[in-house]
Structures are given as C-alpha cells and as structure tokens.
C-alpha cells in the first residue's frame, strides 16, 4: 500500500505543477498515470510541438515544458505509479481513500486530486478496411518522434492544425524525403497562417497538397508501400508511401472515472470553483477533466485550479492549523529531505 498526503490521478502538466504547490505546503504527493512516463498528452502525443501560451515562455516545446515541471517538482520527491490506470476509489472508515489501479496496486491518502486531462484517448481512425493490418508497420495516428520519418515518404491526412503543423514541420526541417497532405475538402479548419504556409510550400513544389480527396486503401507486403487516394474529380490515384499518418484527432472518454460516483456533465467532472472540489468531500478535479461555468481548457487555468485545490486540501488535512501564504520570493523552496 502506497501511503501519501495527496493522490494525484494524472501526471500531465497540471498534475505535475500541483505537486509543486502541494510541496510548498509540506504535503507529499503520489501520481498515478496510465502512460509509461509523466507528461500526459505533452509527452505522449506532441512532445515536439511548440506551445505559445505558457506565461514567461513566448514559445516552449511540450516536452521541454514537462522537463521543466519535473525539475520544479523534484525537491518535493513525488512518487509515481506509471503504466497503470486508476480503476477504483473506495472510502475507508479512517476517512481516507484507497485508489486501486488496473494492475491491483493500491494507494491510500486523505485527499485525491484528479488531473486526468480529457481522460482516456483513442484515435479517430479513417474507415479503411485493412488499416489495422498496417498499424506499427507504416500507419501511425500520432507523431511522437519526428526523426523516425527521416528520409521517408510520408502521406498525412486531415484538415486541422495537427495535420497542417506536422506537414510544415516535416518539410521545413528537411526530415521526410516527400510529404503529401490529403484533405477531403478544399478548405481547412486550422489557423489561417498554417493554411497559407502549406499552400506556399505546395506552390514551391516542396509539399504535395491533394484536396477534395480521401485515402481509401493501403497496400504493401508486410509493411506499407502505397496508399490509394480517391479524388472527387480525378478518380483513384496512387502514391508510394513508407508512412500514412491520419491526423483526425482523438476521442476522449472518462473511462473508469465515470464510475467513481462523481457528478458529471457532458463527459467532465463538475466542480465548485471556490476550491475545485467535487461532490465527494476530499476529492478535487483540476485541469481539462473538470467543468464549470466559463471553463477554459488551458494549461495555465489548470495551474491555477491545482493551486487552489491544494490550499483547500491542506485545510481538510490540518483543520486546526492556519495556513499563512508564504511567497517563494521570500522563503525560497524548502524541499523534502
């Protein structure tokens, strides 16, 4: 049994910053995450993607943000249970909670803070009959390590920011030998500057842009060798490809969290904005996993929510103590020995 002051379910950026804020109050944390490494989406889905709305960082790669948050949390020695999704929560007679993972690992604490992001993710797959046959053999639904596409012929599909940004990245960094972007419409959903950049690269002959078309078939012996594209005007056309990357987004769901007795609204956990507590006393929800009036799903908002939650958690754990806010500019960082 892992025992701690606060169990944080979700080791993404909001969960990691919550460790820091809890540590300032001398509260120890243990994080549980289904992914094999900390960082959530930032590590798993887009570690090389730049983020522009973190205060003090005009631009920072998602993976670098996680590295910084890990260093910031390090003085407070958080524990981690990784590669195991939290499965169940039960309340004990001692007014504590026991969180059990899918692998049976148990954790005990008087406070739970759920920082599970958007929950469990599954890729939105295009309706191609044999696509599963080529998964990990040339078909990927997210780009984790761009270097794996060095010198390869890549066909991407999609009309949102992810498809546009990765197409630009693979071309401008001279990674793929050829990049083809396929989109079913002549218009895109992404940012206008990204759309214009893709059009410019296409006109320069550095990227092949095929609109009003869809990838409908895959061919190859053992691994992907060719994609079949159905064009609305030209009919079926073929392109050689080492990789096909359909970037149609991910489908989030709460997974086991939906069975924990928490008040839900539209697939998210309802909270009180006073301290981001749920309907179950002692359980809080911060970051993208929660919902309330005028909610903004931004990392910086999650940082605020985690900060407020640990202040409330301290009062629940130590009702007899008065917590006086101490500025780090005055006190510095007093980590755990």
Protein backbone atom coordinates (compact mmCIF):
# COMPACT_ATOMS: atom_id res chain seq x y z
CA UNK A 1 0.00 0.00 0.00
CA UNK A 2 1.41 3.35 -1.08
CA UNK A 3 0.56 5.96 1.57
CA UNK A 4 0.79 9.70 0.99
CA UNK A 5 -0.97 13.00 1.70
CA UNK A 6 -2.41 13.53 -1.78
CA UNK A 7 -3.02 11.05 -4.57
CA UNK A 8 -2.92 12.83 -7.93
CA UNK A 9 -4.59 10.88 -10.71
CA UNK A 10 -2.93 12.07 -13.90
CA UNK A 11 0.73 13.02 -14.36
CA UNK A 12 0.26 15.64 -17.06
CA UNK A 13 1.42 19.25 -16.73
CA UNK A 14 -1.37 20.24 -14.32
CA UNK A 15 -0.76 17.21 -12.10
CA UNK A 16 2.98 17.92 -12.01
CA UNK A 17 2.54 21.58 -11.09
CA UNK A 18 0.08 20.56 -8.38
CA UNK A 19 2.95 18.56 -6.80
CA UNK A 20 4.96 21.79 -6.56
CA UNK A 21 2.12 23.76 -4.98
CA UNK A 22 1.39 20.94 -2.53
CA UNK A 23 5.06 20.71 -1.64
CA UNK A 24 5.12 24.38 -0.64
CA UNK A 25 2.54 23.38 1.99
CA UNK A 26 4.64 20.35 3.05
CA UNK A 27 2.13 17.93 1.55
CA UNK A 28 3.53 14.84 -0.13
CA UNK A 29 2.08 13.60 -3.41
CA UNK A 30 1.96 10.36 -5.36
CA UNK A 31 0.89 10.39 -9.00
CA UNK A 32 -0.89 7.64 -10.92
CA UNK A 33 -0.98 7.60 -14.72
CA UNK A 34 -1.87 5.04 -17.37
CA UNK A 35 1.01 6.25 -19.57
CA UNK A 36 4.52 4.82 -19.05
CA UNK A 37 6.05 8.26 -18.49
CA UNK A 38 4.97 11.58 -16.91
CA UNK A 39 3.69 14.38 -19.10
CA UNK A 40 0.27 13.31 -20.37
CA UNK A 41 -0.55 14.48 -23.88
CA UNK A 42 2.52 16.73 -23.92
CA UNK A 43 4.81 13.69 -23.74
CA UNK A 44 2.69 11.08 -25.49
CA UNK A 45 1.12 12.96 -28.38
CA UNK A 46 3.08 16.11 -29.23
CA UNK A 47 6.40 16.38 -27.33
CA UNK A 48 7.99 18.31 -30.21
CA UNK A 49 5.08 20.69 -30.73
CA UNK A 50 5.58 24.31 -29.61
CA UNK A 51 3.23 25.84 -27.01
CA UNK A 52 2.80 29.61 -27.03
CA UNK A 53 0.56 30.44 -24.03
CA UNK A 54 2.69 29.47 -21.03
CA UNK A 55 3.45 32.65 -19.03
CA UNK A 56 7.09 33.67 -19.30
CA UNK A 57 7.76 31.41 -22.29
CA UNK A 58 6.96 33.03 -25.66
CA UNK A 59 7.50 29.54 -27.11
CA UNK A 60 8.33 26.21 -25.49
CA UNK A 61 8.16 22.66 -26.80
CA UNK A 62 5.64 20.49 -24.99
CA UNK A 63 8.36 18.02 -23.99
CA UNK A 64 10.53 20.82 -22.63
CA UNK A 65 7.64 22.11 -20.55
CA UNK A 66 7.30 18.67 -18.95
CA UNK A 67 11.05 18.52 -18.28
CA UNK A 68 10.84 21.90 -16.53
CA UNK A 69 7.82 20.87 -14.46
CA UNK A 70 9.59 17.67 -13.40
CA UNK A 71 12.59 19.71 -12.23
CA UNK A 72 10.27 22.11 -10.41
CA UNK A 73 8.54 19.23 -8.59
CA UNK A 74 11.76 17.30 -7.84
CA UNK A 75 12.56 18.96 -4.46
CA UNK A 76 9.28 17.57 -3.13
CA UNK A 77 10.11 13.97 -4.09
CA UNK A 78 6.82 12.88 -5.68
CA UNK A 79 6.12 9.17 -6.08
CA UNK A 80 4.88 7.70 -9.34
CA UNK A 81 2.83 4.69 -10.35
CA UNK A 82 3.12 4.75 -14.15
CA UNK A 83 1.70 2.49 -16.83
CA UNK A 84 -1.29 1.70 -14.58
CA UNK A 85 -4.64 3.44 -14.92
CA UNK A 86 -6.54 4.23 -11.74
CA UNK A 87 -9.50 1.86 -11.70
CA UNK A 88 -11.44 2.26 -8.47
CA UNK A 89 -11.80 4.52 -5.42
CA UNK A 90 -13.18 3.45 -2.06
CA UNK A 91 -13.59 5.39 1.18
CA UNK A 92 -12.24 3.88 4.41
CA UNK A 93 -13.57 4.19 7.94
CA UNK A 94 -10.49 6.26 8.78
CA UNK A 95 -11.75 8.98 6.43
CA UNK A 96 -9.16 8.17 3.78
CA UNK A 97 -9.41 6.92 0.21
CA UNK A 98 -7.93 3.83 -1.38
CA UNK A 99 -7.21 4.07 -5.10
CA UNK A 100 -6.60 0.77 -6.87
CA UNK A 101 -5.11 0.57 -10.36
CA UNK A 102 -5.96 -1.87 -13.14
CA UNK A 103 -2.93 -3.91 -12.05
CA UNK A 104 -4.06 -4.05 -8.43
CA UNK A 105 -1.60 -1.53 -6.98
CA UNK A 106 -3.22 0.22 -4.02
CA UNK A 107 -2.67 3.77 -2.75
CA UNK A 108 -4.04 5.43 0.38
CA UNK A 109 -4.46 9.16 1.13
CA UNK A 110 -6.97 11.53 2.74
CA UNK A 111 -7.10 13.63 -0.44
CA UNK A 112 -7.47 12.80 -4.14
CA UNK A 113 -6.89 15.34 -6.87
CA UNK A 114 -7.97 14.19 -10.31
CA UNK A 115 -5.88 15.79 -13.03
CA UNK A 116 -6.72 13.29 -15.72
CA UNK A 117 -6.84 15.68 -18.66
CA UNK A 118 -9.52 14.68 -21.13
CA UNK A 119 -9.45 11.11 -19.87
CA UNK A 120 -8.66 8.06 -21.97
CA UNK A 121 -7.84 8.70 -25.62
CA UNK A 122 -8.43 6.63 -28.73
CA UNK A 123 -7.52 7.84 -32.23
CA UNK A 124 -10.25 8.59 -34.73
CA UNK A 125 -9.43 6.11 -37.46
CA UNK A 126 -10.41 6.58 -41.11
CA UNK A 127 -12.79 3.92 -42.47
CA UNK A 128 -10.13 1.96 -44.35
CA UNK A 129 -10.85 -1.76 -44.35
CA UNK A 130 -7.33 -3.08 -43.71
CA UNK A 131 -5.85 -0.22 -41.70
CA UNK A 132 -5.23 -2.31 -38.56
CA UNK A 133 -3.03 -4.61 -40.66
CA UNK A 134 -0.52 -1.78 -41.13
CA UNK A 135 -0.57 -0.27 -37.63
CA UNK A 136 3.06 -0.06 -36.45
CA UNK A 137 4.04 -1.16 -39.95
CA UNK A 138 3.69 2.25 -41.56
CA UNK A 139 0.46 3.58 -40.08
CA UNK A 140 0.65 5.91 -37.07
CA UNK A 141 -2.15 8.03 -35.60
CA UNK A 142 0.09 10.45 -33.72
CA UNK A 143 3.64 11.68 -34.29
CA UNK A 144 5.81 11.07 -31.23
CA UNK A 145 9.32 11.15 -32.69
CA UNK A 146 9.68 13.03 -35.99
CA UNK A 147 13.15 11.56 -36.55
CA UNK A 148 11.59 8.20 -37.44
CA UNK A 149 10.41 9.80 -40.68
CA UNK A 150 13.90 10.85 -41.76
CA UNK A 151 14.25 10.24 -45.50
CA UNK A 152 10.82 8.58 -45.72
CA UNK A 153 7.85 9.21 -47.99
CA UNK A 154 5.01 10.37 -45.77
CA UNK A 155 1.33 10.79 -46.57
CA UNK A 156 -0.61 12.75 -43.95
CA UNK A 157 -4.38 13.17 -43.88
CA UNK A 158 -6.52 15.75 -42.13
CA UNK A 159 -7.58 19.38 -42.25
CA UNK A 160 -6.91 20.62 -38.73
CA UNK A 161 -3.94 22.23 -37.02
CA UNK A 162 -2.20 18.95 -36.28
CA UNK A 163 -2.14 17.80 -39.91
CA UNK A 164 -1.08 21.25 -41.12
CA UNK A 165 1.59 21.83 -38.48
CA UNK A 166 3.21 18.42 -38.83
CA UNK A 167 3.23 18.67 -42.63
CA UNK A 168 5.03 22.00 -42.33
CA UNK A 169 7.42 20.64 -39.70
CA UNK A 170 8.43 17.58 -41.74
CA UNK A 171 9.12 19.76 -44.78
CA UNK A 172 10.83 22.77 -43.21
CA UNK A 173 13.13 20.63 -41.09
CA UNK A 174 14.09 18.51 -44.11
CA UNK A 175 13.00 15.32 -42.36
CA UNK A 176 10.79 13.42 -44.82
CA UNK A 177 12.00 12.89 -48.39
CA UNK A 178 8.45 13.62 -49.58
CA UNK A 179 5.37 14.92 -47.80
CA UNK A 180 1.86 14.58 -49.21
CA UNK A 181 -1.10 16.11 -47.39
CA UNK A 182 -4.54 14.77 -48.28
CA UNK A 183 -7.74 16.53 -47.20
CA UNK A 184 -11.31 15.75 -48.19
CA UNK A 185 -12.27 19.43 -48.57
CA UNK A 186 -10.82 22.44 -50.35
CA UNK A 187 -10.98 24.42 -47.09
CA UNK A 188 -9.17 23.75 -43.80
CA UNK A 189 -10.11 24.04 -40.13
CA UNK A 190 -6.65 25.10 -38.96
CA UNK A 191 -5.13 28.51 -38.33
CA UNK A 192 -5.04 30.70 -41.41
CA UNK A 193 -1.28 31.24 -41.23
CA UNK A 194 -0.71 27.47 -41.21
CA UNK A 195 -3.07 27.02 -44.15
CA UNK A 196 -1.23 29.70 -46.12
CA UNK A 197 2.13 28.14 -45.25
CA UNK A 198 1.01 24.77 -46.61
CA UNK A 199 -0.27 26.41 -49.79
CA UNK A 200 3.04 28.26 -50.18
CA UNK A 201 5.05 25.05 -49.73
CA UNK A 202 2.82 23.34 -52.28
CA UNK A 203 3.32 26.11 -54.84
CA UNK A 204 7.07 25.90 -54.23
CA UNK A 205 6.99 22.19 -55.01
CA UNK A 206 8.20 21.24 -51.54
CA UNK A 207 4.94 19.59 -50.48
CA UNK A 208 2.21 17.83 -52.44
CA UNK A 209 -1.25 19.05 -51.44
CA UNK A 210 -4.21 16.94 -52.57
CA UNK A 211 -7.58 18.39 -51.60
CA UNK A 212 -11.11 17.14 -52.27
CA UNK A 213 -9.78 13.63 -51.80
CA UNK A 214 -9.58 10.83 -49.22
CA UNK A 215 -7.23 7.94 -48.62
CA UNK A 216 -9.36 4.84 -49.17
CA UNK A 217 -6.87 1.96 -49.37
CA UNK A 218 -3.45 0.77 -48.26
CA UNK A 219 -1.14 -1.72 -49.99
CA UNK A 220 2.14 -3.37 -49.10
CA UNK A 221 3.74 -6.70 -48.31
CA UNK A 222 4.45 -6.86 -44.61
CA UNK A 223 4.78 -3.09 -44.35
CA UNK A 224 3.08 -0.14 -46.02
CA UNK A 225 4.25 0.62 -49.56
CA UNK A 226 1.43 2.53 -51.24
CA UNK A 227 -1.75 4.47 -50.45
CA UNK A 228 -4.83 4.65 -52.66
CA UNK A 229 -6.49 8.05 -52.85
CA UNK A 230 -10.00 8.67 -54.14
CA UNK A 231 -10.12 12.14 -55.73
CA UNK A 232 -13.52 13.73 -56.37
CA UNK A 233 -12.52 14.77 -59.90
CA UNK A 234 -9.56 12.60 -60.88
CA UNK A 235 -10.82 9.30 -59.51
CA UNK A 236 -8.38 6.88 -57.89
CA UNK A 237 -4.75 7.93 -57.71
CA UNK A 238 -1.81 6.15 -56.07
CA UNK A 239 1.14 7.43 -54.05
CA UNK A 240 4.12 5.47 -52.80
CA UNK A 241 4.41 5.81 -49.04
CA UNK A 242 6.52 4.48 -46.19
CA UNK A 243 4.14 6.05 -43.68
CA UNK A 244 0.48 7.01 -43.62
CA UNK A 245 -0.42 9.35 -40.76
CA UNK A 246 -4.15 10.13 -40.46
CA UNK A 247 -4.45 13.04 -38.02
CA UNK A 248 -8.17 13.18 -37.37
CA UNK A 249 -7.89 13.80 -33.66
CA UNK A 250 -8.53 11.67 -30.61
CA UNK A 251 -11.75 10.54 -28.97
CA UNK A 252 -11.63 11.21 -25.23
CA UNK A 253 -13.68 9.39 -22.62
CA UNK A 254 -13.64 9.40 -18.84
CA UNK A 255 -13.07 5.64 -18.72
CA UNK A 256 -13.20 4.25 -15.13
CA UNK A 257 -13.63 7.77 -13.72
CA UNK A 258 -17.25 7.68 -14.87
CA UNK A 259 -17.93 5.01 -12.21
CA UNK A 260 -16.50 6.83 -9.17
CA UNK A 261 -19.74 8.46 -8.00
CA UNK A 262 -18.72 11.94 -9.14
CA UNK A 263 -21.19 14.45 -10.54
CA UNK A 264 -20.68 14.63 -14.30
CA UNK A 265 -21.73 16.98 -17.04
CA UNK A 266 -21.05 16.40 -20.75
CA UNK A 267 -18.23 13.97 -20.11
CA UNK A 268 -16.44 16.08 -17.48
CA UNK A 269 -16.42 16.29 -13.67
CA UNK A 270 -18.46 19.11 -12.14
CA UNK A 271 -16.59 21.17 -9.55
CA UNK A 272 -17.10 24.07 -7.17
CA UNK A 273 -14.93 26.97 -8.36
CA UNK A 274 -14.29 28.01 -4.75
CA UNK A 275 -11.66 25.25 -4.49
CA UNK A 276 -12.36 22.90 -7.45
CA UNK A 277 -13.83 20.27 -5.15
CA UNK A 278 -16.21 17.65 -6.47
CA UNK A 279 -19.46 16.45 -4.94
CA UNK A 280 -17.43 13.90 -2.94
CA UNK A 281 -15.67 15.64 0.00
CA UNK A 282 -11.93 15.16 -0.21
CA UNK A 283 -11.87 14.64 -3.98
CA UNK A 284 -10.92 17.52 -6.28
CA UNK A 285 -10.72 17.76 -10.07
CA UNK A 286 -8.41 20.17 -11.90
CA UNK A 287 -7.45 20.82 -15.49
CA UNK A 288 -9.28 19.63 -18.59
CA UNK A 289 -11.08 16.85 -16.71
CA UNK A 290 -13.37 19.30 -14.86
CA UNK A 291 -16.19 21.59 -15.92
CA UNK A 292 -17.83 24.74 -14.58
CA UNK A 293 -19.38 27.90 -15.96
CA UNK A 294 -16.98 29.75 -18.30
CA UNK A 295 -14.44 26.91 -18.16
CA UNK A 296 -11.36 27.42 -20.38
CA UNK A 297 -9.36 24.31 -21.22
CA UNK A 298 -5.93 25.88 -20.97
CA UNK A 299 -2.86 24.60 -19.14
CA UNK A 300 -2.42 27.92 -17.32
CA UNK A 301 -6.00 27.68 -15.99
CA UNK A 302 -5.24 24.18 -14.73
CA UNK A 303 -2.20 25.52 -12.87
CA UNK A 304 -4.50 27.96 -11.03
CA UNK A 305 -7.04 25.25 -10.25
CA UNK A 306 -4.38 22.94 -8.81
CA UNK A 307 -3.05 25.76 -6.63
CA UNK A 308 -6.49 26.45 -5.16
CA UNK A 309 -7.22 22.75 -4.66
CA UNK A 310 -4.13 22.12 -2.53
CA UNK A 311 -4.92 25.13 -0.34
CA UNK A 312 -8.31 23.56 0.39
CA UNK A 313 -6.70 20.13 0.81
CA UNK A 314 -4.35 21.50 3.47
CA UNK A 315 -7.33 22.82 5.45
CA UNK A 316 -9.03 19.39 5.27
CA UNK A 317 -5.92 17.51 6.40
CA UNK A 318 -4.96 20.02 9.12
CA UNK A 319 -8.20 21.75 10.22
CA UNK A 320 -6.50 23.01 13.40
CA UNK A 321 -3.69 24.76 11.54
CA UNK A 322 -3.85 28.17 9.96
CA UNK A 323 -2.12 28.32 6.61
CA UNK A 324 -0.40 31.65 6.00
CA UNK A 325 0.53 32.29 2.39
CA UNK A 326 4.31 32.49 2.08
CA UNK A 327 5.87 33.87 -1.08
CA UNK A 328 8.66 31.84 -2.67
CA UNK A 329 10.49 35.11 -3.35
CA UNK A 330 10.84 35.46 0.42
CA UNK A 331 11.09 31.88 1.68
CA UNK A 332 12.66 30.18 -1.33
CA UNK A 333 11.90 26.49 -1.95
CA UNK A 334 12.14 24.25 1.10
CA UNK A 335 12.12 20.75 -0.37
CA UNK A 336 11.79 17.41 1.41
CA UNK A 337 14.84 15.69 2.80
